[in-house]
Amino acid sequence: MKIKELREAIGMNQSELAKQAGVKQSSVAQWENGKSKPLSDKLPQLAKILHCSIDALFGLDAAAGAGA
């Protein structure tokens, strides 16, 4: 998953993402280091927060990144 890259591209830290997504900061850390993946019901919310498509979260969007 490309959560870390997308998060950093918009200047957001893990704690800010966690707060907006309604999860613990440790959950964001686990998503970013590959130990777990967000539940499917969080994907639309994460895409909105990170200003990208759901495909971009998985690195499947050629235009992945902030503003995509």
PDB file of N, CA and C in Angstrom:
ATOM      1  N   MET A   1       0.839  -1.187   0.000  1.00  0.00           N
ATOM      2  CA  MET A   1       0.000   0.000   0.000  1.00  0.00           C
ATOM      3  C   MET A   1       0.880   1.244   0.000  1.00  0.00           C
ATOM      4  N   LYS A   2       0.330   2.316  -0.522  1.00  0.00           N
ATOM      5  CA  LYS A   2       1.078   3.568  -0.681  1.00  0.00           C
ATOM      6  C   LYS A   2       0.650   4.639   0.306  1.00  0.00           C
ATOM      7  N   ILE A   3       0.092   4.235   1.440  1.00  0.00           N
ATOM      8  CA  ILE A   3      -0.435   5.204   2.395  1.00  0.00           C
ATOM      9  C   ILE A   3       0.642   6.174   2.864  1.00  0.00           C
ATOM     10  N   LYS A   4       1.807   5.678   3.203  1.00  0.00           N
ATOM     11  CA  LYS A   4       2.862   6.553   3.711  1.00  0.00           C
ATOM     12  C   LYS A   4       3.251   7.602   2.674  1.00  0.00           C
ATOM     13  N   GLU A   5       3.468   7.179   1.440  1.00  0.00           N
ATOM     14  CA  GLU A   5       3.871   8.112   0.398  1.00  0.00           C
ATOM     15  C   GLU A   5       2.802   9.173   0.159  1.00  0.00           C
ATOM     16  N   LEU A   6       1.552   8.737   0.118  1.00  0.00           N
ATOM     17  CA  LEU A   6       0.450   9.677  -0.105  1.00  0.00           C
ATOM     18  C   LEU A   6       0.300  10.632   1.079  1.00  0.00           C
ATOM     19  N   ARG A   7       0.438  10.107   2.281  1.00  0.00           N
ATOM     20  CA  ARG A   7       0.334  10.933   3.490  1.00  0.00           C
ATOM     21  C   ARG A   7       1.431  11.983   3.517  1.00  0.00           C
ATOM     22  N   GLU A   8       2.656  11.559   3.249  1.00  0.00           N
ATOM     23  CA  GLU A   8       3.784  12.494   3.268  1.00  0.00           C
ATOM     24  C   GLU A   8       3.670  13.540   2.165  1.00  0.00           C
ATOM     25  N   ALA A   9       3.094  13.151   1.019  1.00  0.00           N
ATOM     26  CA  ALA A   9       2.956  14.075  -0.109  1.00  0.00           C
ATOM     27  C   ALA A   9       2.067  15.268   0.236  1.00  0.00           C
ATOM     28  N   ILE A  10       1.151  15.083   1.188  1.00  0.00           N
ATOM     29  CA  ILE A  10       0.296  16.207   1.577  1.00  0.00           C
ATOM     30  C   ILE A  10       0.718  16.802   2.926  1.00  0.00           C
ATOM     31  N   GLY A  11       1.883  16.385   3.424  1.00  0.00           N
ATOM     32  CA  GLY A  11       2.432  16.974   4.639  1.00  0.00           C
ATOM     33  C   GLY A  11       1.696  16.593   5.913  1.00  0.00           C
ATOM     34  N   MET A  12       1.150  15.403   5.943  1.00  0.00           N
ATOM     35  CA  MET A  12       0.386  14.938   7.103  1.00  0.00           C
ATOM     36  C   MET A  12       1.206  13.911   7.874  1.00  0.00           C
ATOM     37  N   ASN A  13       1.101  13.946   9.208  1.00  0.00           N
ATOM     38  CA  ASN A  13       1.794  12.918   9.988  1.00  0.00           C
ATOM     39  C   ASN A  13       0.826  11.785  10.335  1.00  0.00           C
ATOM     40  N   GLN A  14       1.368  10.714  10.886  1.00  0.00           N
ATOM     41  CA  GLN A  14       0.552   9.540  11.203  1.00  0.00           C
ATOM     42  C   GLN A  14      -0.562   9.869  12.187  1.00  0.00           C
ATOM     43  N   SER A  15      -0.270  10.691  13.167  1.00  0.00           N
ATOM     44  CA  SER A  15      -1.274  11.029  14.170  1.00  0.00           C
ATOM     45  C   SER A  15      -2.447  11.784  13.557  1.00  0.00           C
ATOM     46  N   GLU A  16      -2.154  12.701  12.652  1.00  0.00           N
ATOM     47  CA  GLU A  16      -3.217  13.457  11.986  1.00  0.00           C
ATOM     48  C   GLU A  16      -4.092  12.532  11.138  1.00  0.00           C
ATOM     49  N   LEU A  17      -3.459  11.628  10.397  1.00  0.00           N
ATOM     50  CA  LEU A  17      -4.214  10.688   9.577  1.00  0.00           C
ATOM     51  C   LEU A  17      -5.078   9.797  10.460  1.00  0.00           C
ATOM     52  N   ALA A  18      -4.506   9.310  11.538  1.00  0.00           N
ATOM     53  CA  ALA A  18      -5.244   8.444  12.455  1.00  0.00           C
ATOM     54  C   ALA A  18      -6.472   9.162  13.005  1.00  0.00           C
ATOM     55  N   LYS A  19      -6.304  10.403  13.423  1.00  0.00           N
ATOM     56  CA  LYS A  19      -7.416  11.170  13.981  1.00  0.00           C
ATOM     57  C   LYS A  19      -8.526  11.343  12.950  1.00  0.00           C
ATOM     58  N   GLN A  20      -8.164  11.721  11.738  1.00  0.00           N
ATOM     59  CA  GLN A  20      -9.167  11.940  10.695  1.00  0.00           C
ATOM     60  C   GLN A  20      -9.853  10.642  10.280  1.00  0.00           C
ATOM     61  N   ALA A  21      -9.112   9.538  10.328  1.00  0.00           N
ATOM     62  CA  ALA A  21      -9.671   8.246   9.923  1.00  0.00           C
ATOM     63  C   ALA A  21     -10.392   7.531  11.062  1.00  0.00           C
ATOM     64  N   GLY A  22     -10.264   8.047  12.277  1.00  0.00           N
ATOM     65  CA  GLY A  22     -10.933   7.426  13.412  1.00  0.00           C
ATOM     66  C   GLY A  22     -10.290   6.133  13.868  1.00  0.00           C
ATOM     67  N   VAL A  23      -8.968   6.071  13.745  1.00  0.00           N
ATOM     68  CA  VAL A  23      -8.227   4.885  14.186  1.00  0.00           C
ATOM     69  C   VAL A  23      -7.079   5.320  15.075  1.00  0.00           C
ATOM     70  N   LYS A  24      -6.383   4.358  15.657  1.00  0.00           N
ATOM     71  CA  LYS A  24      -5.201   4.654  16.471  1.00  0.00           C
ATOM     72  C   LYS A  24      -3.993   4.902  15.569  1.00  0.00           C
ATOM     73  N   GLN A  25      -3.069   5.694  16.063  1.00  0.00           N
ATOM     74  CA  GLN A  25      -1.833   5.968  15.318  1.00  0.00           C
ATOM     75  C   GLN A  25      -1.084   4.674  15.052  1.00  0.00           C
ATOM     76  N   SER A  26      -1.153   3.728  15.963  1.00  0.00           N
ATOM     77  CA  SER A  26      -0.468   2.449  15.773  1.00  0.00           C
ATOM     78  C   SER A  26      -1.049   1.681  14.586  1.00  0.00           C
ATOM     79  N   SER A  27      -2.344   1.862  14.316  1.00  0.00           N
ATOM     80  CA  SER A  27      -2.953   1.211  13.149  1.00  0.00           C
ATOM     81  C   SER A  27      -2.361   1.773  11.869  1.00  0.00           C
ATOM     82  N   VAL A  28      -2.216   3.097  11.816  1.00  0.00           N
ATOM     83  CA  VAL A  28      -1.614   3.732  10.634  1.00  0.00           C
ATOM     84  C   VAL A  28      -0.189   3.215  10.446  1.00  0.00           C
ATOM     85  N   ALA A  29       0.566   3.123  11.526  1.00  0.00           N
ATOM     86  CA  ALA A  29       1.940   2.628  11.450  1.00  0.00           C
ATOM     87  C   ALA A  29       1.965   1.201  10.899  1.00  0.00           C
ATOM     88  N   GLN A  30       1.045   0.364  11.346  1.00  0.00           N
ATOM     89  CA  GLN A  30       1.001  -1.018  10.864  1.00  0.00           C
ATOM     90  C   GLN A  30       0.627  -1.081   9.390  1.00  0.00           C
ATOM     91  N   TRP A  31      -0.277  -0.213   8.943  1.00  0.00           N
ATOM     92  CA  TRP A  31      -0.624  -0.171   7.519  1.00  0.00           C
ATOM     93  C   TRP A  31       0.610   0.196   6.708  1.00  0.00           C
ATOM     94  N   GLU A  32       1.344   1.187   7.213  1.00  0.00           N
ATOM     95  CA  GLU A  32       2.497   1.700   6.463  1.00  0.00           C
ATOM     96  C   GLU A  32       3.670   0.727   6.429  1.00  0.00           C
ATOM     97  N   ASN A  33       3.819  -0.088   7.461  1.00  0.00           N
ATOM     98  CA  ASN A  33       4.942  -1.028   7.454  1.00  0.00           C
ATOM     99  C   ASN A  33       4.544  -2.416   6.968  1.00  0.00           C
ATOM    100  N   GLY A  34       3.302  -2.555   6.505  1.00  0.00           N
ATOM    101  CA  GLY A  34       2.864  -3.801   5.901  1.00  0.00           C
ATOM    102  C   GLY A  34       2.435  -4.889   6.870  1.00  0.00           C
ATOM    103  N   LYS A  35       2.343  -4.571   8.149  1.00  0.00           N
ATOM    104  CA  LYS A  35       1.933  -5.589   9.128  1.00  0.00           C
ATOM    105  C   LYS A  35       0.433  -5.835   9.106  1.00  0.00           C
ATOM    106  N   SER A  36      -0.323  -4.861   8.599  1.00  0.00           N
ATOM    107  CA  SER A  36      -1.774  -5.034   8.457  1.00  0.00           C
ATOM    108  C   SER A  36      -2.256  -4.121   7.340  1.00  0.00           C
ATOM    109  N   LYS A  37      -3.513  -4.286   6.977  1.00  0.00           N
ATOM    110  CA  LYS A  37      -4.127  -3.449   5.946  1.00  0.00           C
ATOM    111  C   LYS A  37      -5.403  -2.851   6.529  1.00  0.00           C
ATOM    112  N   PRO A  38      -5.778  -1.671   6.076  1.00  0.00           N
ATOM    113  CA  PRO A  38      -7.027  -1.091   6.579  1.00  0.00           C
ATOM    114  C   PRO A  38      -8.225  -1.946   6.167  1.00  0.00           C
ATOM    115  N   LEU A  39      -9.249  -1.933   6.984  1.00  0.00           N
ATOM    116  CA  LEU A  39     -10.485  -2.627   6.633  1.00  0.00           C
ATOM    117  C   LEU A  39     -11.082  -1.970   5.395  1.00  0.00           C
ATOM    118  N   SER A  40     -11.775  -2.748   4.606  1.00  0.00           N
ATOM    119  CA  SER A  40     -12.311  -2.248   3.339  1.00  0.00           C
ATOM    120  C   SER A  40     -13.240  -1.054   3.523  1.00  0.00           C
ATOM    121  N   ASP A  41     -13.933  -0.982   4.643  1.00  0.00           N
ATOM    122  CA  ASP A  41     -14.832   0.155   4.843  1.00  0.00           C
ATOM    123  C   ASP A  41     -14.090   1.462   5.109  1.00  0.00           C
ATOM    124  N   LYS A  42     -12.788   1.390   5.400  1.00  0.00           N
ATOM    125  CA  LYS A  42     -11.967   2.593   5.610  1.00  0.00           C
ATOM    126  C   LYS A  42     -11.379   3.131   4.314  1.00  0.00           C
ATOM    127  N   LEU A  43     -11.366   2.332   3.260  1.00  0.00           N
ATOM    128  CA  LEU A  43     -10.687   2.748   2.027  1.00  0.00           C
ATOM    129  C   LEU A  43     -11.254   4.026   1.412  1.00  0.00           C
ATOM    130  N   PRO A  44     -12.575   4.170   1.270  1.00  0.00           N
ATOM    131  CA  PRO A  44     -13.083   5.432   0.711  1.00  0.00           C
ATOM    132  C   PRO A  44     -12.705   6.649   1.563  1.00  0.00           C
ATOM    133  N   GLN A  45     -12.765   6.480   2.873  1.00  0.00           N
ATOM    134  CA  GLN A  45     -12.411   7.575   3.779  1.00  0.00           C
ATOM    135  C   GLN A  45     -10.932   7.928   3.649  1.00  0.00           C
ATOM    136  N   LEU A  46     -10.064   6.921   3.597  1.00  0.00           N
ATOM    137  CA  LEU A  46      -8.634   7.172   3.441  1.00  0.00           C
ATOM    138  C   LEU A  46      -8.343   7.869   2.112  1.00  0.00           C
ATOM    139  N   ALA A  47      -9.005   7.421   1.059  1.00  0.00           N
ATOM    140  CA  ALA A  47      -8.799   8.048  -0.249  1.00  0.00           C
ATOM    141  C   ALA A  47      -9.197   9.525  -0.201  1.00  0.00           C
ATOM    142  N   LYS A  48     -10.302   9.815   0.455  1.00  0.00           N
ATOM    143  CA  LYS A  48     -10.747  11.205   0.559  1.00  0.00           C
ATOM    144  C   LYS A  48      -9.753  12.035   1.373  1.00  0.00           C
ATOM    145  N   ILE A  49      -9.322  11.525   2.501  1.00  0.00           N
ATOM    146  CA  ILE A  49      -8.371  12.233   3.366  1.00  0.00           C
ATOM    147  C   ILE A  49      -7.068  12.503   2.626  1.00  0.00           C
ATOM    148  N   LEU A  50      -6.600  11.496   1.868  1.00  0.00           N
ATOM    149  CA  LEU A  50      -5.306  11.590   1.187  1.00  0.00           C
ATOM    150  C   LEU A  50      -5.414  12.171  -0.229  1.00  0.00           C
ATOM    151  N   HIS A  51      -6.619  12.604  -0.613  1.00  0.00           N
ATOM    152  CA  HIS A  51      -6.838  13.253  -1.913  1.00  0.00           C
ATOM    153  C   HIS A  51      -6.390  12.363  -3.073  1.00  0.00           C
ATOM    154  N   CYS A  52      -6.849  11.128  -3.055  1.00  0.00           N
ATOM    155  CA  CYS A  52      -6.471  10.190  -4.110  1.00  0.00           C
ATOM    156  C   CYS A  52      -7.605   9.206  -4.353  1.00  0.00           C
ATOM    157  N   SER A  53      -7.407   8.327  -5.304  1.00  0.00           N
ATOM    158  CA  SER A  53      -8.373   7.265  -5.559  1.00  0.00           C
ATOM    159  C   SER A  53      -8.041   6.061  -4.671  1.00  0.00           C
ATOM    160  N   ILE A  54      -9.002   5.154  -4.556  1.00  0.00           N
ATOM    161  CA  ILE A  54      -8.734   3.919  -3.826  1.00  0.00           C
ATOM    162  C   ILE A  54      -7.632   3.138  -4.542  1.00  0.00           C
ATOM    163  N   ASP A  55      -7.650   3.127  -5.868  1.00  0.00           N
ATOM    164  CA  ASP A  55      -6.580   2.459  -6.621  1.00  0.00           C
ATOM    165  C   ASP A  55      -5.212   3.012  -6.245  1.00  0.00           C
ATOM    166  N   ALA A  56      -5.127   4.322  -6.052  1.00  0.00           N
ATOM    167  CA  ALA A  56      -3.842   4.939  -5.701  1.00  0.00           C
ATOM    168  C   ALA A  56      -3.336   4.449  -4.352  1.00  0.00           C
ATOM    169  N   LEU A  57      -4.234   4.144  -3.428  1.00  0.00           N
ATOM    170  CA  LEU A  57      -3.814   3.616  -2.127  1.00  0.00           C
ATOM    171  C   LEU A  57      -3.027   2.323  -2.304  1.00  0.00           C
ATOM    172  N   PHE A  58      -3.379   1.566  -3.338  1.00  0.00           N
ATOM    173  CA  PHE A  58      -2.721   0.290  -3.616  1.00  0.00           C
ATOM    174  C   PHE A  58      -1.607   0.413  -4.648  1.00  0.00           C
ATOM    175  N   GLY A  59      -1.328   1.646  -5.097  1.00  0.00           N
ATOM    176  CA  GLY A  59      -0.284   1.844  -6.087  1.00  0.00           C
ATOM    177  C   GLY A  59      -0.705   1.417  -7.479  1.00  0.00           C
ATOM    178  N   LEU A  60      -2.021   1.354  -7.747  1.00  0.00           N
ATOM    179  CA  LEU A  60      -2.517   0.885  -9.043  1.00  0.00           C
ATOM    180  C   LEU A  60      -2.873   2.030  -9.982  1.00  0.00           C
ATOM    181  N   ASP A  61      -2.822   3.245  -9.496  1.00  0.00           N
ATOM    182  CA  ASP A  61      -3.205   4.413 -10.273  1.00  0.00           C
ATOM    183  C   ASP A  61      -1.949   5.103 -10.785  1.00  0.00           C
ATOM    184  N   ALA A  62      -1.794   5.220 -12.085  1.00  0.00           N
ATOM    185  CA  ALA A  62      -0.606   5.846 -12.666  1.00  0.00           C
ATOM    186  C   ALA A  62      -0.455   7.284 -12.205  1.00  0.00           C
ATOM    187  N   ALA A  63      -1.561   7.923 -11.841  1.00  0.00           N
ATOM    188  CA  ALA A  63      -1.527   9.309 -11.385  1.00  0.00           C
ATOM    189  C   ALA A  63      -1.584   9.395  -9.867  1.00  0.00           C
ATOM    190  N   ALA A  64      -1.090   8.367  -9.188  1.00  0.00           N
ATOM    191  CA  ALA A  64      -1.151   8.340  -7.730  1.00  0.00           C
ATOM    192  C   ALA A  64      -0.414   9.533  -7.146  1.00  0.00           C
ATOM    193  N   GLY A  65      -1.028  10.133  -6.135  1.00  0.00           N
ATOM    194  CA  GLY A  65      -0.392  11.243  -5.437  1.00  0.00           C
ATOM    195  C   GLY A  65      -1.408  12.271  -5.028  1.00  0.00           C
ATOM    196  N   ALA A  66      -0.936  13.252  -4.315  1.00  0.00           N
ATOM    197  CA  ALA A  66      -1.829  14.313  -3.861  1.00  0.00           C
ATOM    198  C   ALA A  66      -2.461  15.003  -5.050  1.00  0.00           C
ATOM    199  N   GLY A  67      -3.746  15.195  -4.966  1.00  0.00           N
ATOM    200  CA  GLY A  67      -4.472  15.861  -6.031  1.00  0.00           C
ATOM    201  C   GLY A  67      -4.910  14.945  -7.159  1.00  0.00           C
ATOM    202  N   ALA A  68      -4.573  13.677  -7.061  1.00  0.00           N
ATOM    203  CA  ALA A  68      -4.947  12.740  -8.136  1.00  0.00           C
ATOM    204  C   ALA A  68      -6.410  12.405  -8.077  1.00  0.00           C
TER     205      ALA A  68
END
